[in-house]
């Protein structure tokens, strides 16, 4: 049965480990036994003159039609798995969109969960099969996809994708809020608070954040100018070649004096159509979350963290914001980088 955007978010809650909406590196469905095999992929879609098309792949090993996906590697989060596997199988890297229902089925190694995201491609995108696991790719209308799909359970995320399209909530952009990675303890730091650096664990978290952000590919980065925030998100920005905008309003000190100014910066997450990431500190998060809640319906707002510390170091909230309904949050995910 087709799911609304809100139901898609609920699906994410019901099929996750940890807090609402979380997709973790080793996540499994809540309320049922953990999967023996975890995999992730995308329902790649594009607009056409006639409406909507989705991409199917043919795998000669199984002689089946399915969506691009693959097993999770060690040290990898599920969004990274989806991003990597799609790139390997069709030669195009996706930008993850709205999370779709997770499917479960039996394989020879036991129970398998496949986590899916929507991923939009432009009309000029030319997917190519890798020639090993995939020998053919085909853009088809959803009705034909329902007929061609070999695994009946794949029709569930497809139905959710169709429902999002009908409601005008399929075309989205990511807006990501990141809490900086773990810093050295305040008790061991005697110099300026803005210069307090990342701890050794934080440096590893920052590397993981850099890898993880690639799955959503933000095109601009807003950050507190304090060192621990810069150290968390600037490495991604440098690798991706995107601008970094330092916002003093996002520091702990400025927020304590003028929380409305921090809220104004958070509001800019919704004022432009560019994919964006924002990095700030734990004490600033309640203000940022209040701004987000104003752009989400009650059910989605309920997925936002409500208790201190709101996010753990390096953790992020990934919002998908509708491009048709400006400023409307379509989905909420809480995502942790791989924790060693």
Protein backbone atom coordinates (compact mmCIF):
# COMPACT_ATOMS: atom_id res chain seq x y z
CA UNK A 1 0.00 0.00 0.00
CA UNK A 2 1.43 3.41 -0.94
CA UNK A 3 2.92 5.45 1.90
CA UNK A 4 2.77 9.18 2.42
CA UNK A 5 5.95 11.09 3.21
CA UNK A 6 4.93 11.05 6.85
CA UNK A 7 4.41 7.31 6.77
CA UNK A 8 7.77 6.91 5.14
CA UNK A 9 9.28 8.68 8.13
CA UNK A 10 7.33 6.40 10.46
CA UNK A 11 8.64 3.41 8.54
CA UNK A 12 12.15 4.67 9.21
CA UNK A 13 11.35 4.85 12.90
CA UNK A 14 9.90 1.36 13.08
CA UNK A 15 12.71 -0.22 11.13
CA UNK A 16 15.71 1.27 12.88
CA UNK A 17 18.00 0.62 15.77
CA UNK A 18 18.30 3.38 18.37
CA UNK A 19 16.40 6.61 18.28
CA UNK A 20 13.66 7.56 15.85
CA UNK A 21 14.70 7.80 12.26
CA UNK A 22 18.24 6.55 12.79
CA UNK A 23 20.07 4.64 10.07
CA UNK A 24 23.17 3.32 11.83
CA UNK A 25 26.21 1.47 10.58
CA UNK A 26 24.89 -1.80 11.95
CA UNK A 27 21.19 -1.00 12.18
CA UNK A 28 18.40 -3.56 12.12
CA UNK A 29 14.65 -3.44 12.36
CA UNK A 30 13.30 -2.61 15.80
CA UNK A 31 10.93 -5.15 17.27
CA UNK A 32 12.26 -8.11 15.31
CA UNK A 33 15.44 -10.08 15.24
CA UNK A 34 18.52 -8.45 13.73
CA UNK A 35 19.20 -9.24 10.11
CA UNK A 36 22.00 -11.63 9.26
CA UNK A 37 22.84 -9.60 6.15
CA UNK A 38 22.57 -5.83 5.68
CA UNK A 39 22.44 -4.17 2.30
CA UNK A 40 21.52 -0.78 0.88
CA UNK A 41 20.72 0.80 -2.44
CA UNK A 42 18.65 3.39 -4.26
CA UNK A 43 15.53 3.72 -6.33
CA UNK A 44 17.03 5.96 -8.99
CA UNK A 45 14.42 8.12 -10.71
CA UNK A 46 14.11 10.86 -13.27
CA UNK A 47 11.45 13.14 -14.67
CA UNK A 48 10.28 12.67 -18.23
CA UNK A 49 7.71 14.34 -20.43
CA UNK A 50 5.31 11.58 -19.47
CA UNK A 51 5.97 11.81 -15.73
CA UNK A 52 8.24 9.48 -13.76
CA UNK A 53 10.74 6.76 -14.66
CA UNK A 54 12.78 4.48 -12.40
CA UNK A 55 15.97 2.60 -13.15
CA UNK A 56 16.06 -1.20 -13.08
CA UNK A 57 19.16 -3.34 -13.34
CA UNK A 58 19.51 -6.89 -14.63
CA UNK A 59 21.89 -9.23 -12.81
CA UNK A 60 22.97 -12.20 -14.95
CA UNK A 61 24.00 -14.25 -11.91
CA UNK A 62 20.39 -14.35 -10.72
CA UNK A 63 18.67 -13.50 -14.01
CA UNK A 64 16.54 -10.96 -12.18
CA UNK A 65 15.44 -7.33 -12.45
CA UNK A 66 15.92 -5.24 -9.33
CA UNK A 67 17.21 -1.92 -8.04
CA UNK A 68 20.93 -1.15 -7.65
CA UNK A 69 22.04 -2.24 -4.20
CA UNK A 70 24.67 -4.31 -2.39
CA UNK A 71 25.96 -5.61 0.91
CA UNK A 72 27.39 -3.39 3.58
CA UNK A 73 31.17 -3.47 3.94
CA UNK A 74 32.95 -3.52 7.28
CA UNK A 75 33.43 -0.03 8.69
CA UNK A 76 30.69 1.43 6.51
CA UNK A 77 27.37 3.06 7.33
CA UNK A 78 24.27 2.13 5.35
CA UNK A 79 24.08 5.49 3.51
CA UNK A 80 27.69 4.99 2.43
CA UNK A 81 26.80 1.48 1.26
CA UNK A 82 23.95 2.79 -0.89
CA UNK A 83 26.13 5.55 -2.34
CA UNK A 84 29.02 3.20 -3.13
CA UNK A 85 26.98 0.31 -4.51
CA UNK A 86 24.95 2.45 -6.88
CA UNK A 87 28.13 4.06 -8.15
CA UNK A 88 29.77 0.68 -8.71
CA UNK A 89 26.81 -0.92 -10.45
CA UNK A 90 25.65 1.87 -12.78
CA UNK A 91 28.68 4.19 -12.96
CA UNK A 92 26.85 7.20 -11.48
CA UNK A 93 27.09 8.42 -7.90
CA UNK A 94 23.70 9.23 -6.36
CA UNK A 95 22.74 11.97 -3.95
CA UNK A 96 20.52 10.26 -1.40
CA UNK A 97 16.99 11.59 -1.11
CA UNK A 98 13.99 10.50 0.94
CA UNK A 99 14.46 7.20 2.82
CA UNK A 100 12.11 4.49 1.55
CA UNK A 101 10.73 1.37 3.26
CA UNK A 102 13.29 -1.25 4.20
CA UNK A 103 12.53 -4.69 2.82
CA UNK A 104 13.33 -8.05 4.41
CA UNK A 105 13.63 -11.47 2.83
CA UNK A 106 15.42 -14.77 3.30
CA UNK A 107 18.71 -15.60 1.59
CA UNK A 108 21.08 -18.54 1.96
CA UNK A 109 22.97 -16.72 4.74
CA UNK A 110 19.78 -16.05 6.70
CA UNK A 111 17.60 -12.95 6.97
CA UNK A 112 18.48 -9.95 4.80
CA UNK A 113 17.44 -6.32 5.24
CA UNK A 114 17.81 -3.92 2.31
CA UNK A 115 17.63 -0.20 3.11
CA UNK A 116 16.61 2.05 0.24
CA UNK A 117 16.70 5.75 -0.55
CA UNK A 118 15.26 7.69 -3.47
CA UNK A 119 17.90 9.24 -5.74
CA UNK A 120 17.13 11.73 -8.50
CA UNK A 121 19.08 11.89 -11.75
CA UNK A 122 18.85 14.49 -14.49
CA UNK A 123 17.74 13.80 -18.05
CA UNK A 124 21.35 13.77 -19.24
CA UNK A 125 22.48 11.04 -16.86
CA UNK A 126 23.68 7.92 -18.68
CA UNK A 127 23.89 4.89 -16.38
CA UNK A 128 26.13 2.09 -17.60
CA UNK A 129 26.14 -1.50 -16.30
CA UNK A 130 29.40 -2.51 -14.68
CA UNK A 131 29.60 -5.61 -16.92
CA UNK A 132 30.18 -7.94 -14.00
CA UNK A 133 27.31 -7.94 -11.54
CA UNK A 134 25.05 -5.95 -13.86
CA UNK A 135 24.74 -6.56 -17.59
CA UNK A 136 21.79 -4.28 -18.45
CA UNK A 137 20.04 -1.17 -17.14
CA UNK A 138 16.65 0.12 -18.16
CA UNK A 139 14.61 3.26 -17.43
CA UNK A 140 10.94 2.28 -17.16
CA UNK A 141 7.66 3.76 -15.97
CA UNK A 142 6.53 2.60 -12.51
CA UNK A 143 3.80 0.37 -13.93
CA UNK A 144 6.30 -1.54 -16.03
CA UNK A 145 8.71 -1.67 -13.09
CA UNK A 146 6.03 -3.38 -10.98
CA UNK A 147 5.69 -6.04 -13.71
CA UNK A 148 9.42 -6.54 -14.26
CA UNK A 149 10.65 -6.68 -10.66
CA UNK A 150 11.58 -10.24 -9.77
CA UNK A 151 11.41 -9.87 -5.98
CA UNK A 152 7.81 -8.96 -4.97
CA UNK A 153 9.05 -7.14 -1.86
CA UNK A 154 10.80 -4.56 -4.08
CA UNK A 155 7.35 -3.26 -5.00
CA UNK A 156 6.93 -1.77 -1.51
CA UNK A 157 9.62 0.94 -1.80
CA UNK A 158 8.49 1.51 -5.38
CA UNK A 159 4.93 2.20 -4.18
CA UNK A 160 6.30 4.64 -1.59
CA UNK A 161 8.30 6.41 -4.33
CA UNK A 162 5.16 6.75 -6.45
CA UNK A 163 3.20 8.13 -3.52
CA UNK A 164 5.89 10.74 -2.82
CA UNK A 165 5.79 11.74 -6.50
CA UNK A 166 2.02 12.10 -6.52
CA UNK A 167 2.15 14.34 -3.45
CA UNK A 168 4.90 16.53 -4.89
CA UNK A 169 7.38 15.45 -2.21
CA UNK A 170 9.78 13.29 -4.21
CA UNK A 171 12.01 16.09 -5.53
CA UNK A 172 13.97 17.18 -2.46
CA UNK A 173 17.28 18.60 -1.33
CA UNK A 174 19.21 17.68 1.81
CA UNK A 175 19.67 20.02 4.76
CA UNK A 176 22.02 18.48 7.32
CA UNK A 177 22.76 19.51 10.90
CA UNK A 178 26.01 18.13 12.36
CA UNK A 179 27.20 18.23 15.94
CA UNK A 180 30.98 18.65 15.92
CA UNK A 181 33.12 15.60 16.63
CA UNK A 182 34.44 14.87 20.10
CA UNK A 183 36.73 17.60 21.42
CA UNK A 184 39.39 17.50 24.12
CA UNK A 185 37.84 17.88 27.60
CA UNK A 186 37.26 21.42 28.83
CA UNK A 187 38.97 20.46 32.08
CA UNK A 188 42.23 19.76 30.27
CA UNK A 189 42.19 22.90 28.14
CA UNK A 190 43.37 26.25 29.56
CA UNK A 191 43.47 28.37 26.42
CA UNK A 192 40.69 30.06 24.45
CA UNK A 193 37.53 27.97 24.22
CA UNK A 194 37.25 28.58 20.49
CA UNK A 195 40.66 26.99 20.00
CA UNK A 196 39.86 23.73 21.83
CA UNK A 197 40.76 20.99 19.31
CA UNK A 198 39.35 17.58 18.57
CA UNK A 199 40.39 14.62 20.67
CA UNK A 200 41.95 11.60 18.97
CA UNK A 201 38.52 9.95 18.83
CA UNK A 202 37.10 13.18 17.38
CA UNK A 203 39.68 13.21 14.60
CA UNK A 204 38.57 9.73 13.57
CA UNK A 205 34.94 10.83 13.78
CA UNK A 206 35.68 13.81 11.55
CA UNK A 207 37.13 11.50 8.90
CA UNK A 208 33.99 9.39 9.13
CA UNK A 209 31.80 12.50 8.83
CA UNK A 210 33.72 13.47 5.69
CA UNK A 211 33.01 10.11 4.09
CA UNK A 212 29.39 10.08 5.18
CA UNK A 213 28.55 13.56 3.92
CA UNK A 214 29.44 12.44 0.39
CA UNK A 215 26.23 10.41 0.33
CA UNK A 216 24.23 13.67 0.38
CA UNK A 217 26.85 15.92 -1.22
CA UNK A 218 25.98 19.29 0.36
CA UNK A 219 27.06 22.16 -1.86
CA UNK A 220 27.62 24.70 0.90
CA UNK A 221 28.70 24.41 4.52
CA UNK A 222 27.71 26.74 7.36
CA UNK A 223 29.69 26.37 10.57
CA UNK A 224 30.63 27.86 13.87
CA UNK A 225 34.14 29.32 13.47
CA UNK A 226 35.38 27.51 16.60
CA UNK A 227 38.11 25.03 15.81
CA UNK A 228 36.24 21.85 16.76
CA UNK A 229 33.45 22.63 14.28
CA UNK A 230 35.82 23.66 11.51
CA UNK A 231 37.84 20.47 12.02
CA UNK A 232 34.67 18.40 11.65
CA UNK A 233 33.31 19.76 8.35
CA UNK A 234 36.07 21.63 6.53
CA UNK A 235 37.77 18.37 5.40
CA UNK A 236 34.57 17.42 3.53
CA UNK A 237 34.28 20.89 2.02
CA UNK A 238 37.87 20.81 0.77
CA UNK A 239 37.49 17.39 -0.80
CA UNK A 240 34.17 18.34 -2.41
CA UNK A 241 35.33 21.81 -3.46
CA UNK A 242 32.37 23.58 -1.84
CA UNK A 243 32.36 26.88 0.05
CA UNK A 244 32.52 27.16 3.82
CA UNK A 245 30.72 30.06 5.48
CA UNK A 246 31.75 30.75 9.07
CA UNK A 247 28.84 31.97 11.19
CA UNK A 248 29.87 33.38 14.62
CA UNK A 249 26.19 33.27 15.65
CA UNK A 250 26.55 29.46 15.89
CA UNK A 251 29.21 29.53 18.62
CA UNK A 252 28.26 28.64 22.19
CA UNK A 253 29.18 32.11 23.46
CA UNK A 254 27.21 34.05 20.85
CA UNK A 255 24.21 31.74 21.18
CA UNK A 256 24.13 32.28 24.94
CA UNK A 257 23.91 36.04 24.43
CA UNK A 258 21.74 36.15 21.29
CA UNK A 259 19.90 32.86 20.59
CA UNK A 260 17.66 34.59 18.04
CA UNK A 261 20.70 35.24 15.86
CA UNK A 262 21.57 31.53 15.87
CA UNK A 263 17.94 30.79 14.97
CA UNK A 264 18.21 33.17 12.02
CA UNK A 265 21.21 31.25 10.72
CA UNK A 266 19.32 27.96 11.13
CA UNK A 267 16.44 29.44 9.16
CA UNK A 268 18.75 29.85 6.16
CA UNK A 269 18.71 26.04 5.83
CA UNK A 270 15.25 26.53 4.33
CA UNK A 271 15.69 29.80 2.43
CA UNK A 272 17.70 28.49 -0.52
CA UNK A 273 17.37 25.44 -2.77
CA UNK A 274 21.03 24.46 -2.40
CA UNK A 275 21.94 21.27 -0.52
CA UNK A 276 23.52 22.45 2.72
CA UNK A 277 25.20 21.26 5.92
CA UNK A 278 25.41 23.20 9.19
CA UNK A 279 27.81 22.38 12.04
CA UNK A 280 27.38 23.66 15.57
CA UNK A 281 27.63 22.84 19.29
CA UNK A 282 25.44 20.91 21.70
CA UNK A 283 24.11 24.01 23.57
CA UNK A 284 22.98 25.52 20.25
CA UNK A 285 21.08 22.44 19.09
CA UNK A 286 17.78 23.15 20.92
CA UNK A 287 17.48 26.46 19.08
CA UNK A 288 18.26 24.83 15.73
CA UNK A 289 15.75 22.04 16.43
CA UNK A 290 12.98 24.55 17.18
CA UNK A 291 13.53 26.11 13.78
CA UNK A 292 13.43 22.71 12.08
CA UNK A 293 10.23 21.75 13.91
CA UNK A 294 8.44 24.78 12.43
CA UNK A 295 9.09 23.36 8.97
CA UNK A 296 7.98 19.81 9.80
CA UNK A 297 4.54 18.40 10.49
CA UNK A 298 3.79 17.08 13.98
CA UNK A 299 4.69 13.48 13.13
CA UNK A 300 8.04 14.41 11.62
CA UNK A 301 8.78 16.91 14.38
CA UNK A 302 8.28 14.05 16.83
CA UNK A 303 11.27 12.29 15.24
CA UNK A 304 13.61 15.12 16.25
CA UNK A 305 15.73 14.54 19.36
CA UNK A 306 14.11 16.15 22.39
CA UNK A 307 16.57 15.52 25.24
CA UNK A 308 20.07 16.70 26.05
CA UNK A 309 22.59 15.98 24.50
CA UNK A 310 20.29 15.85 21.41
CA UNK A 311 23.07 14.49 19.19
CA UNK A 312 26.21 12.59 20.10
CA UNK A 313 29.54 13.97 18.83
CA UNK A 314 29.74 13.58 15.06
CA UNK A 315 26.07 12.62 14.75
CA UNK A 316 23.86 14.39 12.22
CA UNK A 317 20.23 15.07 11.40
CA UNK A 318 19.52 14.65 7.70
CA UNK A 319 16.42 16.47 6.49
CA UNK A 320 14.95 16.14 3.04
CA UNK A 321 13.28 19.43 2.11
CA UNK A 322 10.69 19.54 -0.66
CA UNK A 323 11.70 21.59 -3.68
CA UNK A 324 8.08 21.98 -4.80
CA UNK A 325 6.67 22.92 -1.39
CA UNK A 326 9.38 25.35 -0.35
CA UNK A 327 10.62 24.86 3.18
CA UNK A 328 8.57 21.72 3.91
CA UNK A 329 10.49 18.91 5.60
CA UNK A 330 9.61 15.58 3.96
CA UNK A 331 11.77 13.20 6.01
CA UNK A 332 13.99 13.12 9.08
CA UNK A 333 16.92 10.78 9.71
CA UNK A 334 19.39 10.65 12.56
CA UNK A 335 22.67 9.25 11.32
CA UNK A 336 25.90 8.41 13.12
CA UNK A 337 29.23 8.06 11.34
CA UNK A 338 30.88 4.69 11.76
CA UNK A 339 32.13 4.42 15.34
CA UNK A 340 35.30 2.43 15.80
